[in-house]
N, C-alpha and C. Protein backbone atom coordinates (compact mmCIF):
# COMPACT_ATOMS: atom_id res chain seq x y z
N MET A 1 57.80 -15.70 -39.72
CA MET A 1 56.60 -14.98 -40.18
C MET A 1 55.35 -15.55 -39.52
N GLY A 2 55.32 -16.88 -39.42
CA GLY A 2 54.18 -17.51 -38.79
C GLY A 2 54.04 -17.12 -37.34
N ARG A 3 55.23 -17.04 -36.64
CA ARG A 3 55.20 -16.67 -35.23
C ARG A 3 54.68 -15.25 -35.05
N ASN A 4 55.09 -14.33 -35.91
CA ASN A 4 54.64 -12.93 -35.81
C ASN A 4 53.14 -12.82 -36.03
N SER A 5 52.66 -13.59 -37.00
CA SER A 5 51.22 -13.58 -37.27
C SER A 5 50.44 -14.13 -36.08
N ALA A 6 50.93 -15.21 -35.50
CA ALA A 6 50.26 -15.80 -34.33
C ALA A 6 50.30 -14.84 -33.15
N SER A 7 51.45 -14.16 -32.99
CA SER A 7 51.58 -13.20 -31.89
C SER A 7 50.59 -12.05 -32.05
N ARG A 8 50.48 -11.57 -33.31
CA ARG A 8 49.53 -10.48 -33.54
C ARG A 8 48.10 -10.93 -33.28
N SER A 9 47.79 -12.16 -33.64
CA SER A 9 46.43 -12.69 -33.42
C SER A 9 46.13 -12.78 -31.92
N VAL A 10 47.12 -13.26 -31.16
CA VAL A 10 46.94 -13.36 -29.70
C VAL A 10 46.76 -11.98 -29.10
N THR A 11 47.59 -11.02 -29.56
CA THR A 11 47.50 -9.65 -29.04
C THR A 11 46.14 -9.04 -29.35
N ALA A 12 45.67 -9.25 -30.61
CA ALA A 12 44.35 -8.72 -30.99
C ALA A 12 43.25 -9.35 -30.17
N LEU A 13 43.37 -10.65 -29.91
CA LEU A 13 42.37 -11.36 -29.11
C LEU A 13 42.33 -10.81 -27.69
N ARG A 14 43.52 -10.58 -27.12
CA ARG A 14 43.58 -10.05 -25.76
C ARG A 14 42.99 -8.65 -25.69
N ARG A 15 43.25 -7.84 -26.75
CA ARG A 15 42.69 -6.50 -26.77
C ARG A 15 41.16 -6.53 -26.82
N ARG A 16 40.64 -7.46 -27.64
CA ARG A 16 39.17 -7.59 -27.73
C ARG A 16 38.60 -8.04 -26.39
N GLU A 17 39.28 -8.97 -25.73
CA GLU A 17 38.82 -9.44 -24.43
C GLU A 17 38.86 -8.32 -23.41
N ASN A 18 39.94 -7.54 -23.43
CA ASN A 18 40.05 -6.40 -22.50
C ASN A 18 38.96 -5.37 -22.77
N LEU A 19 38.72 -5.12 -24.06
CA LEU A 19 37.68 -4.15 -24.43
C LEU A 19 36.31 -4.63 -24.00
N THR A 20 36.05 -5.93 -24.21
CA THR A 20 34.76 -6.50 -23.80
C THR A 20 34.57 -6.41 -22.30
N GLY A 21 35.65 -6.75 -21.56
CA GLY A 21 35.57 -6.68 -20.10
C GLY A 21 35.36 -5.26 -19.61
N MET A 22 36.04 -4.32 -20.26
CA MET A 22 35.89 -2.92 -19.86
C MET A 22 34.48 -2.42 -20.14
N ARG A 23 33.95 -2.80 -21.30
CA ARG A 23 32.59 -2.40 -21.63
C ARG A 23 31.58 -2.99 -20.66
N LEU A 24 31.81 -4.24 -20.26
CA LEU A 24 30.91 -4.89 -19.30
C LEU A 24 30.95 -4.16 -17.96
N ARG A 25 32.15 -3.85 -17.48
CA ARG A 25 32.27 -3.12 -16.20
C ARG A 25 31.62 -1.75 -16.30
N LEU A 26 31.80 -1.09 -17.43
CA LEU A 26 31.21 0.22 -17.63
C LEU A 26 29.68 0.14 -17.64
N ALA A 27 29.17 -0.88 -18.32
CA ALA A 27 27.72 -1.07 -18.36
C ALA A 27 27.16 -1.30 -16.96
N ILE A 28 27.86 -2.09 -16.15
CA ILE A 28 27.41 -2.34 -14.77
C ILE A 28 27.46 -1.05 -13.95
N LEU A 29 28.54 -0.28 -14.13
CA LEU A 29 28.66 0.97 -13.39
C LEU A 29 27.56 1.96 -13.78
N LEU A 30 27.14 1.94 -15.04
CA LEU A 30 26.05 2.80 -15.47
C LEU A 30 24.70 2.30 -14.98
N PHE A 31 24.54 0.97 -14.97
CA PHE A 31 23.24 0.37 -14.64
C PHE A 31 22.91 0.44 -13.15
N LEU A 32 23.89 0.15 -12.29
CA LEU A 32 23.59 0.00 -10.86
C LEU A 32 22.95 1.24 -10.23
N PRO A 33 23.51 2.45 -10.36
CA PRO A 33 22.85 3.60 -9.73
C PRO A 33 21.47 3.88 -10.30
N LEU A 34 21.31 3.67 -11.62
CA LEU A 34 19.99 3.88 -12.23
C LEU A 34 18.99 2.85 -11.71
N ALA A 35 19.45 1.62 -11.49
CA ALA A 35 18.56 0.59 -10.95
C ALA A 35 18.14 0.91 -9.53
N VAL A 36 19.06 1.45 -8.74
CA VAL A 36 18.72 1.84 -7.37
C VAL A 36 17.66 2.94 -7.38
N VAL A 37 17.84 3.93 -8.25
CA VAL A 37 16.87 5.03 -8.35
C VAL A 37 15.50 4.50 -8.81
N ALA A 38 15.51 3.63 -9.82
CA ALA A 38 14.26 3.07 -10.32
C ALA A 38 13.54 2.25 -9.25
N THR A 39 14.30 1.49 -8.47
CA THR A 39 13.71 0.70 -7.39
C THR A 39 13.10 1.59 -6.32
N GLY A 40 13.83 2.65 -5.96
CA GLY A 40 13.31 3.58 -4.96
C GLY A 40 12.05 4.27 -5.44
N LEU A 41 12.02 4.68 -6.69
CA LEU A 41 10.83 5.35 -7.23
C LEU A 41 9.64 4.41 -7.30
N ALA A 42 9.88 3.15 -7.70
CA ALA A 42 8.79 2.18 -7.75
C ALA A 42 8.21 1.94 -6.36
N GLY A 43 9.10 1.81 -5.37
CA GLY A 43 8.63 1.63 -3.99
C GLY A 43 7.86 2.82 -3.49
N LEU A 44 8.32 4.02 -3.84
CA LEU A 44 7.63 5.24 -3.41
C LEU A 44 6.26 5.36 -4.05
N VAL A 45 6.16 5.05 -5.35
CA VAL A 45 4.87 5.10 -6.03
C VAL A 45 3.89 4.14 -5.39
N TYR A 46 4.35 2.92 -5.11
CA TYR A 46 3.45 1.93 -4.49
C TYR A 46 3.02 2.38 -3.11
N LEU A 47 3.97 2.87 -2.31
CA LEU A 47 3.65 3.26 -0.94
C LEU A 47 2.64 4.41 -0.91
N VAL A 48 2.88 5.43 -1.74
CA VAL A 48 1.98 6.59 -1.76
C VAL A 48 0.58 6.17 -2.21
N ALA A 49 0.51 5.39 -3.30
CA ALA A 49 -0.79 4.98 -3.82
C ALA A 49 -1.52 4.07 -2.83
N GLN A 50 -0.78 3.17 -2.20
CA GLN A 50 -1.39 2.24 -1.25
C GLN A 50 -1.92 2.98 -0.02
N GLN A 51 -1.13 3.91 0.50
CA GLN A 51 -1.56 4.67 1.67
C GLN A 51 -2.72 5.59 1.33
N ASP A 52 -2.68 6.17 0.13
CA ASP A 52 -3.78 7.05 -0.29
C ASP A 52 -5.08 6.26 -0.37
N GLY A 53 -5.01 5.06 -0.95
CA GLY A 53 -6.20 4.23 -1.02
C GLY A 53 -6.72 3.82 0.35
N ARG A 54 -5.79 3.57 1.28
CA ARG A 54 -6.21 3.19 2.64
C ARG A 54 -6.90 4.35 3.34
N TRP A 55 -6.35 5.58 3.19
CA TRP A 55 -6.98 6.72 3.85
C TRP A 55 -8.33 7.04 3.21
N LEU A 56 -8.45 6.88 1.90
CA LEU A 56 -9.73 7.13 1.25
C LEU A 56 -10.80 6.15 1.73
N ALA A 57 -10.36 4.96 2.16
CA ALA A 57 -11.30 3.97 2.65
C ALA A 57 -12.00 4.43 3.93
N ASN A 58 -11.45 5.45 4.60
CA ASN A 58 -12.05 5.95 5.85
C ASN A 58 -13.10 7.04 5.62
N GLU A 59 -13.18 7.58 4.40
CA GLU A 59 -14.00 8.77 4.20
C GLU A 59 -15.48 8.57 4.55
N PRO A 60 -16.14 7.51 4.06
CA PRO A 60 -17.57 7.38 4.43
C PRO A 60 -17.77 7.21 5.93
N GLN A 61 -16.84 6.48 6.58
CA GLN A 61 -16.99 6.22 8.00
C GLN A 61 -16.86 7.50 8.83
N VAL A 62 -15.98 8.40 8.41
CA VAL A 62 -15.83 9.67 9.14
C VAL A 62 -17.15 10.42 9.15
N GLN A 63 -17.79 10.54 7.99
CA GLN A 63 -19.07 11.24 7.92
C GLN A 63 -20.14 10.53 8.73
N LEU A 64 -20.23 9.21 8.57
CA LEU A 64 -21.26 8.47 9.29
C LEU A 64 -21.11 8.61 10.80
N ALA A 65 -19.88 8.45 11.30
CA ALA A 65 -19.65 8.50 12.74
C ALA A 65 -19.89 9.90 13.29
N GLU A 66 -19.37 10.92 12.62
CA GLU A 66 -19.51 12.29 13.13
C GLU A 66 -20.96 12.76 13.05
N ASP A 67 -21.65 12.43 11.97
CA ASP A 67 -23.06 12.82 11.87
C ASP A 67 -23.91 12.13 12.93
N ALA A 68 -23.64 10.85 13.15
CA ALA A 68 -24.40 10.12 14.17
C ALA A 68 -24.13 10.69 15.56
N ALA A 69 -22.87 11.01 15.85
CA ALA A 69 -22.54 11.60 17.16
C ALA A 69 -23.22 12.94 17.34
N ALA A 70 -23.27 13.76 16.29
CA ALA A 70 -23.93 15.06 16.38
C ALA A 70 -25.42 14.89 16.64
N ARG A 71 -26.06 13.95 15.98
CA ARG A 71 -27.49 13.73 16.20
C ARG A 71 -27.75 13.19 17.60
N LEU A 72 -26.87 12.33 18.09
CA LEU A 72 -27.03 11.82 19.45
C LEU A 72 -26.89 12.94 20.48
N ASP A 73 -25.89 13.79 20.27
CA ASP A 73 -25.71 14.92 21.20
C ASP A 73 -26.89 15.88 21.14
N ALA A 74 -27.59 15.90 20.01
CA ALA A 74 -28.76 16.78 19.88
C ALA A 74 -30.03 16.13 20.40
N GLY A 75 -29.92 14.93 20.96
CA GLY A 75 -31.07 14.27 21.55
C GLY A 75 -31.60 13.09 20.77
N GLY A 76 -30.91 12.71 19.70
CA GLY A 76 -31.37 11.57 18.92
C GLY A 76 -31.21 10.26 19.67
N SER A 77 -31.95 9.25 19.24
CA SER A 77 -31.89 7.95 19.89
C SER A 77 -30.81 7.09 19.24
N PRO A 78 -30.17 6.21 20.00
CA PRO A 78 -29.17 5.32 19.41
C PRO A 78 -29.72 4.48 18.26
N ALA A 79 -30.94 3.97 18.43
CA ALA A 79 -31.53 3.13 17.39
C ALA A 79 -31.76 3.91 16.09
N GLY A 80 -31.94 5.22 16.20
CA GLY A 80 -32.17 6.03 15.01
C GLY A 80 -30.92 6.30 14.20
N GLN A 81 -29.75 5.89 14.68
CA GLN A 81 -28.49 6.16 13.99
C GLN A 81 -27.98 4.98 13.18
N VAL A 82 -28.69 3.86 13.25
CA VAL A 82 -28.25 2.67 12.53
C VAL A 82 -29.29 2.29 11.49
N GLY A 83 -28.87 1.55 10.48
CA GLY A 83 -29.79 1.12 9.43
C GLY A 83 -30.73 0.03 9.89
N ARG A 84 -31.80 -0.14 9.14
CA ARG A 84 -32.78 -1.17 9.49
C ARG A 84 -32.39 -2.54 8.98
N VAL A 85 -31.54 -2.57 7.94
CA VAL A 85 -31.12 -3.85 7.36
C VAL A 85 -29.78 -4.25 7.95
N PRO A 86 -29.67 -5.42 8.56
CA PRO A 86 -28.39 -5.86 9.15
C PRO A 86 -27.30 -5.99 8.08
N VAL A 87 -26.09 -5.64 8.46
CA VAL A 87 -24.93 -5.75 7.57
C VAL A 87 -24.00 -6.83 8.11
N ASP A 88 -23.82 -7.88 7.35
CA ASP A 88 -22.87 -8.93 7.73
C ASP A 88 -21.47 -8.42 7.37
N ILE A 89 -20.72 -7.99 8.36
CA ILE A 89 -19.44 -7.32 8.08
C ILE A 89 -18.39 -8.26 7.52
N ALA A 90 -18.61 -9.58 7.62
CA ALA A 90 -17.66 -10.54 7.05
C ALA A 90 -17.88 -10.73 5.55
N ARG A 91 -19.05 -10.32 5.05
CA ARG A 91 -19.39 -10.55 3.65
C ARG A 91 -19.68 -9.27 2.87
N SER A 92 -20.35 -8.34 3.52
CA SER A 92 -20.83 -7.14 2.82
C SER A 92 -19.77 -6.05 2.75
N LEU A 93 -19.84 -5.25 1.68
CA LEU A 93 -18.98 -4.08 1.54
C LEU A 93 -19.67 -2.82 2.05
N ALA A 94 -20.91 -2.97 2.52
CA ALA A 94 -21.66 -1.81 3.00
C ALA A 94 -21.11 -1.33 4.34
N PRO A 95 -21.17 -0.02 4.61
CA PRO A 95 -20.76 0.49 5.92
C PRO A 95 -21.78 0.15 7.00
N PHE A 96 -21.34 0.12 8.22
CA PHE A 96 -22.22 -0.14 9.36
C PHE A 96 -21.88 0.81 10.50
N VAL A 97 -22.79 0.93 11.44
CA VAL A 97 -22.61 1.85 12.57
C VAL A 97 -22.91 1.11 13.87
N VAL A 98 -22.08 1.37 14.87
CA VAL A 98 -22.31 0.82 16.22
C VAL A 98 -22.30 1.98 17.20
N VAL A 99 -23.34 2.08 18.02
CA VAL A 99 -23.42 3.11 19.06
C VAL A 99 -23.13 2.46 20.40
N TYR A 100 -22.12 2.98 21.09
CA TYR A 100 -21.72 2.43 22.39
C TYR A 100 -22.09 3.40 23.49
N GLY A 101 -22.37 2.83 24.68
CA GLY A 101 -22.58 3.64 25.87
C GLY A 101 -21.27 3.97 26.55
N THR A 102 -21.34 4.65 27.67
CA THR A 102 -20.12 5.08 28.37
C THR A 102 -19.29 3.90 28.87
N SER A 103 -19.93 2.80 29.17
CA SER A 103 -19.20 1.63 29.67
C SER A 103 -18.78 0.68 28.56
N GLY A 104 -19.01 1.06 27.31
CA GLY A 104 -18.63 0.22 26.20
C GLY A 104 -19.69 -0.77 25.78
N ASP A 105 -20.88 -0.68 26.39
CA ASP A 105 -21.96 -1.58 26.01
C ASP A 105 -22.59 -1.10 24.70
N ILE A 106 -23.05 -2.02 23.88
CA ILE A 106 -23.64 -1.69 22.59
C ILE A 106 -25.10 -1.28 22.80
N LEU A 107 -25.40 -0.04 22.40
CA LEU A 107 -26.76 0.47 22.52
C LEU A 107 -27.56 0.20 21.25
N ALA A 108 -26.90 0.23 20.10
CA ALA A 108 -27.58 -0.04 18.83
C ALA A 108 -26.52 -0.34 17.77
N THR A 109 -26.87 -1.19 16.82
CA THR A 109 -25.95 -1.51 15.72
C THR A 109 -26.71 -2.13 14.57
N ASP A 110 -26.23 -1.89 13.36
CA ASP A 110 -26.77 -2.60 12.20
C ASP A 110 -25.74 -3.57 11.65
N GLY A 111 -24.59 -3.69 12.32
CA GLY A 111 -23.55 -4.61 11.90
C GLY A 111 -23.62 -5.90 12.69
N THR A 112 -23.34 -7.00 12.01
CA THR A 112 -23.29 -8.30 12.68
C THR A 112 -22.06 -9.07 12.21
N LEU A 113 -21.55 -9.90 13.08
CA LEU A 113 -20.43 -10.78 12.76
C LEU A 113 -20.74 -12.15 13.33
N ASP A 114 -20.91 -13.12 12.44
CA ASP A 114 -21.29 -14.48 12.85
C ASP A 114 -22.58 -14.45 13.67
N GLY A 115 -23.51 -13.59 13.28
CA GLY A 115 -24.81 -13.51 13.91
C GLY A 115 -24.87 -12.71 15.20
N ALA A 116 -23.76 -12.10 15.61
CA ALA A 116 -23.74 -11.33 16.86
C ALA A 116 -23.23 -9.91 16.57
N PRO A 117 -23.56 -8.96 17.45
CA PRO A 117 -23.04 -7.60 17.27
C PRO A 117 -21.52 -7.59 17.33
N PRO A 118 -20.85 -6.79 16.50
CA PRO A 118 -19.38 -6.76 16.50
C PRO A 118 -18.86 -6.04 17.73
N ALA A 119 -17.99 -6.71 18.48
CA ALA A 119 -17.43 -6.13 19.71
C ALA A 119 -15.97 -5.76 19.45
N VAL A 120 -15.69 -4.47 19.37
CA VAL A 120 -14.32 -4.02 19.11
C VAL A 120 -13.54 -3.98 20.42
N PRO A 121 -12.21 -4.00 20.35
CA PRO A 121 -11.40 -3.90 21.57
C PRO A 121 -11.69 -2.60 22.31
N PRO A 122 -11.75 -2.64 23.64
CA PRO A 122 -12.06 -1.42 24.42
C PRO A 122 -11.07 -0.28 24.17
N GLY A 123 -9.83 -0.62 23.80
CA GLY A 123 -8.84 0.43 23.57
C GLY A 123 -9.23 1.38 22.46
N ILE A 124 -9.97 0.88 21.45
CA ILE A 124 -10.40 1.74 20.36
C ILE A 124 -11.35 2.82 20.88
N LEU A 125 -12.30 2.42 21.71
CA LEU A 125 -13.26 3.37 22.27
C LEU A 125 -12.57 4.34 23.21
N ALA A 126 -11.66 3.83 24.02
CA ALA A 126 -10.96 4.70 24.97
C ALA A 126 -10.11 5.73 24.24
N ASN A 127 -9.43 5.32 23.19
CA ASN A 127 -8.58 6.25 22.45
C ASN A 127 -9.40 7.32 21.75
N ALA A 128 -10.58 6.94 21.26
CA ALA A 128 -11.45 7.92 20.62
C ALA A 128 -11.91 8.99 21.61
N ARG A 129 -12.18 8.59 22.85
CA ARG A 129 -12.60 9.57 23.86
C ARG A 129 -11.47 10.52 24.21
N VAL A 130 -10.23 10.04 24.13
CA VAL A 130 -9.08 10.88 24.49
C VAL A 130 -8.69 11.80 23.34
N THR A 131 -8.65 11.27 22.13
CA THR A 131 -8.14 12.04 20.98
C THR A 131 -9.23 12.73 20.18
N GLY A 132 -10.49 12.32 20.34
CA GLY A 132 -11.57 12.91 19.56
C GLY A 132 -11.91 12.12 18.31
N ARG A 133 -11.01 11.29 17.85
CA ARG A 133 -11.28 10.42 16.70
C ARG A 133 -10.21 9.33 16.66
N ASP A 134 -10.65 8.11 16.41
CA ASP A 134 -9.72 6.99 16.30
C ASP A 134 -10.02 6.26 14.99
N ALA A 135 -9.03 6.20 14.10
CA ALA A 135 -9.20 5.51 12.81
C ALA A 135 -8.18 4.39 12.74
N VAL A 136 -8.64 3.16 12.77
CA VAL A 136 -7.74 2.00 12.76
C VAL A 136 -8.32 0.89 11.89
N THR A 137 -7.45 -0.06 11.55
CA THR A 137 -7.89 -1.28 10.89
C THR A 137 -8.14 -2.33 11.95
N TRP A 138 -9.35 -2.87 11.97
CA TRP A 138 -9.74 -3.85 12.99
C TRP A 138 -9.94 -5.19 12.30
N GLN A 139 -9.29 -6.23 12.84
CA GLN A 139 -9.42 -7.58 12.32
C GLN A 139 -10.06 -8.45 13.38
N PRO A 140 -11.39 -8.59 13.34
CA PRO A 140 -12.07 -9.38 14.37
C PRO A 140 -11.76 -10.87 14.29
N ARG A 141 -11.47 -11.35 13.09
CA ARG A 141 -11.05 -12.74 12.90
C ARG A 141 -10.35 -12.86 11.56
N ALA A 142 -9.74 -14.01 11.33
CA ALA A 142 -8.98 -14.21 10.09
C ALA A 142 -9.88 -14.02 8.87
N GLY A 143 -9.37 -13.26 7.91
CA GLY A 143 -10.11 -13.05 6.67
C GLY A 143 -11.07 -11.89 6.72
N VAL A 144 -11.18 -11.23 7.85
CA VAL A 144 -12.09 -10.08 7.99
C VAL A 144 -11.29 -8.89 8.49
N ARG A 145 -11.15 -7.87 7.65
CA ARG A 145 -10.44 -6.66 8.02
C ARG A 145 -11.35 -5.46 7.77
N ILE A 146 -11.51 -4.64 8.79
CA ILE A 146 -12.47 -3.54 8.76
C ILE A 146 -11.77 -2.22 8.99
N ALA A 147 -12.07 -1.23 8.14
CA ALA A 147 -11.59 0.13 8.37
C ALA A 147 -12.59 0.83 9.28
N THR A 148 -12.18 1.16 10.50
CA THR A 148 -13.10 1.74 11.47
C THR A 148 -12.72 3.18 11.81
N VAL A 149 -13.75 3.98 12.05
CA VAL A 149 -13.58 5.35 12.55
C VAL A 149 -14.50 5.49 13.75
N THR A 150 -13.94 5.89 14.88
CA THR A 150 -14.70 6.01 16.12
C THR A 150 -14.58 7.43 16.65
N VAL A 151 -15.71 8.01 17.03
CA VAL A 151 -15.73 9.35 17.62
C VAL A 151 -16.58 9.31 18.90
N PRO A 152 -16.31 10.19 19.84
CA PRO A 152 -17.09 10.21 21.08
C PRO A 152 -18.38 11.03 20.93
N TRP A 153 -19.35 10.70 21.75
CA TRP A 153 -20.51 11.57 21.95
C TRP A 153 -20.76 11.66 23.44
N SER A 154 -21.67 12.47 23.85
CA SER A 154 -21.84 12.74 25.28
C SER A 154 -22.19 11.49 26.09
N GLY A 155 -22.77 10.49 25.43
CA GLY A 155 -23.16 9.28 26.15
C GLY A 155 -22.33 8.07 25.83
N GLY A 156 -21.19 8.25 25.15
CA GLY A 156 -20.35 7.11 24.81
C GLY A 156 -19.55 7.34 23.56
N SER A 157 -19.61 6.39 22.63
CA SER A 157 -18.84 6.47 21.39
C SER A 157 -19.68 5.94 20.23
N VAL A 158 -19.32 6.40 19.03
CA VAL A 158 -19.95 5.90 17.80
C VAL A 158 -18.84 5.37 16.90
N LEU A 159 -19.01 4.15 16.43
CA LEU A 159 -18.05 3.55 15.51
C LEU A 159 -18.74 3.30 14.17
N ALA A 160 -18.08 3.70 13.10
CA ALA A 160 -18.53 3.37 11.75
C ALA A 160 -17.44 2.55 11.09
N GLY A 161 -17.82 1.49 10.41
CA GLY A 161 -16.83 0.61 9.80
C GLY A 161 -17.26 0.14 8.43
N ARG A 162 -16.29 -0.37 7.68
CA ARG A 162 -16.55 -0.91 6.35
C ARG A 162 -15.46 -1.89 6.00
N SER A 163 -15.80 -2.95 5.28
CA SER A 163 -14.83 -3.97 4.90
C SER A 163 -13.75 -3.38 4.01
N LEU A 164 -12.51 -3.86 4.21
CA LEU A 164 -11.37 -3.45 3.39
C LEU A 164 -11.11 -4.41 2.24
N ARG A 165 -12.01 -5.34 2.01
CA ARG A 165 -11.76 -6.36 0.98
C ARG A 165 -11.49 -5.75 -0.39
N LEU A 166 -12.32 -4.82 -0.82
CA LEU A 166 -12.15 -4.21 -2.13
C LEU A 166 -10.88 -3.37 -2.19
N VAL A 167 -10.60 -2.64 -1.12
CA VAL A 167 -9.39 -1.82 -1.06
C VAL A 167 -8.15 -2.70 -1.16
N GLU A 168 -8.16 -3.83 -0.48
CA GLU A 168 -7.00 -4.72 -0.51
C GLU A 168 -6.86 -5.42 -1.85
N GLU A 169 -7.99 -5.69 -2.54
CA GLU A 169 -7.89 -6.24 -3.89
C GLU A 169 -7.24 -5.23 -4.84
N HIS A 170 -7.62 -3.95 -4.68
CA HIS A 170 -7.00 -2.91 -5.50
C HIS A 170 -5.51 -2.78 -5.18
N ALA A 171 -5.16 -2.90 -3.91
CA ALA A 171 -3.75 -2.81 -3.52
C ALA A 171 -2.94 -3.96 -4.12
N SER A 172 -3.52 -5.15 -4.17
CA SER A 172 -2.83 -6.30 -4.77
C SER A 172 -2.62 -6.09 -6.27
N ALA A 173 -3.65 -5.55 -6.94
CA ALA A 173 -3.52 -5.26 -8.37
C ALA A 173 -2.47 -4.19 -8.61
N LEU A 174 -2.45 -3.18 -7.74
CA LEU A 174 -1.45 -2.11 -7.85
C LEU A 174 -0.04 -2.67 -7.67
N GLU A 175 0.11 -3.58 -6.73
CA GLU A 175 1.43 -4.19 -6.49
C GLU A 175 1.94 -4.92 -7.73
N LEU A 176 1.04 -5.64 -8.40
CA LEU A 176 1.43 -6.36 -9.61
C LEU A 176 1.81 -5.39 -10.72
N MET A 177 1.05 -4.30 -10.87
CA MET A 177 1.34 -3.33 -11.92
C MET A 177 2.67 -2.62 -11.67
N VAL A 178 2.91 -2.24 -10.41
CA VAL A 178 4.17 -1.57 -10.09
C VAL A 178 5.35 -2.52 -10.29
N ALA A 179 5.18 -3.79 -9.89
CA ALA A 179 6.26 -4.77 -10.06
C ALA A 179 6.56 -4.98 -11.54
N ALA A 180 5.52 -5.07 -12.37
CA ALA A 180 5.73 -5.26 -13.81
C ALA A 180 6.44 -4.05 -14.41
N ALA A 181 6.01 -2.85 -14.01
CA ALA A 181 6.65 -1.63 -14.52
C ALA A 181 8.10 -1.54 -14.06
N TRP A 182 8.36 -1.97 -12.83
CA TRP A 182 9.73 -1.95 -12.29
C TRP A 182 10.64 -2.89 -13.08
N LEU A 183 10.16 -4.10 -13.34
CA LEU A 183 10.97 -5.07 -14.10
C LEU A 183 11.22 -4.58 -15.52
N ALA A 184 10.18 -4.00 -16.14
CA ALA A 184 10.35 -3.47 -17.49
C ALA A 184 11.35 -2.32 -17.50
N THR A 185 11.30 -1.48 -16.47
CA THR A 185 12.25 -0.37 -16.38
C THR A 185 13.67 -0.86 -16.20
N LEU A 186 13.86 -1.87 -15.35
CA LEU A 186 15.20 -2.43 -15.15
C LEU A 186 15.74 -3.03 -16.45
N ALA A 187 14.87 -3.71 -17.20
CA ALA A 187 15.31 -4.30 -18.47
C ALA A 187 15.72 -3.20 -19.45
N ALA A 188 14.92 -2.14 -19.52
CA ALA A 188 15.24 -1.03 -20.42
C ALA A 188 16.55 -0.35 -20.00
N LEU A 189 16.76 -0.19 -18.71
CA LEU A 189 17.99 0.43 -18.22
C LEU A 189 19.20 -0.44 -18.52
N ALA A 190 19.04 -1.76 -18.38
CA ALA A 190 20.14 -2.67 -18.68
C ALA A 190 20.54 -2.58 -20.15
N ILE A 191 19.53 -2.54 -21.03
CA ILE A 191 19.82 -2.41 -22.47
C ILE A 191 20.49 -1.07 -22.76
N ALA A 192 19.95 0.00 -22.16
CA ALA A 192 20.52 1.33 -22.39
C ALA A 192 21.95 1.41 -21.89
N ALA A 193 22.22 0.80 -20.73
CA ALA A 193 23.59 0.82 -20.19
C ALA A 193 24.53 0.05 -21.10
N GLY A 194 24.07 -1.09 -21.64
CA GLY A 194 24.90 -1.86 -22.55
C GLY A 194 25.22 -1.09 -23.82
N VAL A 195 24.20 -0.42 -24.37
CA VAL A 195 24.42 0.37 -25.59
C VAL A 195 25.36 1.53 -25.32
N ALA A 196 25.16 2.22 -24.19
CA ALA A 196 26.01 3.36 -23.85
C ALA A 196 27.46 2.92 -23.67
N ALA A 197 27.66 1.77 -23.04
CA ALA A 197 29.02 1.27 -22.84
C ALA A 197 29.68 0.91 -24.17
N ARG A 198 28.89 0.37 -25.09
CA ARG A 198 29.45 -0.01 -26.39
C ARG A 198 29.79 1.22 -27.22
N LEU A 199 29.00 2.28 -27.06
CA LEU A 199 29.23 3.51 -27.83
C LEU A 199 30.18 4.48 -27.14
N TRP A 200 30.71 4.07 -25.99
CA TRP A 200 31.62 4.95 -25.24
C TRP A 200 32.80 5.32 -26.14
N PRO A 201 33.26 6.58 -26.08
CA PRO A 201 34.37 6.99 -26.96
C PRO A 201 35.56 6.05 -26.86
N ARG A 202 36.09 5.67 -28.01
CA ARG A 202 37.21 4.73 -28.04
C ARG A 202 38.44 5.30 -27.36
N ALA A 203 38.48 6.62 -27.21
CA ALA A 203 39.62 7.23 -26.53
C ALA A 203 39.69 6.77 -25.07
N ALA A 204 38.51 6.32 -24.55
CA ALA A 204 38.48 5.89 -23.15
C ALA A 204 38.87 4.43 -23.01
N THR A 205 39.06 3.72 -24.13
CA THR A 205 39.40 2.30 -24.09
C THR A 205 40.87 2.11 -24.43
N PRO A 206 41.47 1.01 -23.97
CA PRO A 206 42.88 0.79 -24.26
C PRO A 206 43.10 0.56 -25.74
N GLY A 207 44.23 1.08 -26.29
CA GLY A 207 44.51 0.94 -27.71
C GLY A 207 45.07 -0.42 -28.06
């Protein structure tokens, strides 16, 4: 009698272990595809929002550069297209304008970098003359990143720029929010998968 009781106890224990293992495997099978989808969606949300913020950072510069080029083509002076107050592009969030001649020489600017006019790579000016507009991120030195828009005019090119510091701070905050939401979603999915596996019809489990 004792042996039969011990045998039944061992059998019951093995069944519980098998059931637990099956539920664990089922929970993993439910969780993994949902986790992949959640990860993909989180990455997509971050990418779209980050790119949208970067493109919006170009909007003031497009207007400034195109308006300045139109005034220059209408006979305006280079000095009349820039502000009277110098803009330190390493510190200020204000936009600035640089008017270039055909050879890439600076005709007028209200932007300064380390006390000198900002000199962009010649390729930016050349590409603007070929395509009609060049919008790129320019990093003149470490810690300084500028969203620039360059358009041609009859006597050269006009570049408008603005610091990306605020945009990049927003992008960092967005990254933290998306990461937190992603982790919370994965935790919720893991709990839901565990509950679903536990509530799975007993007909699907070994008797």
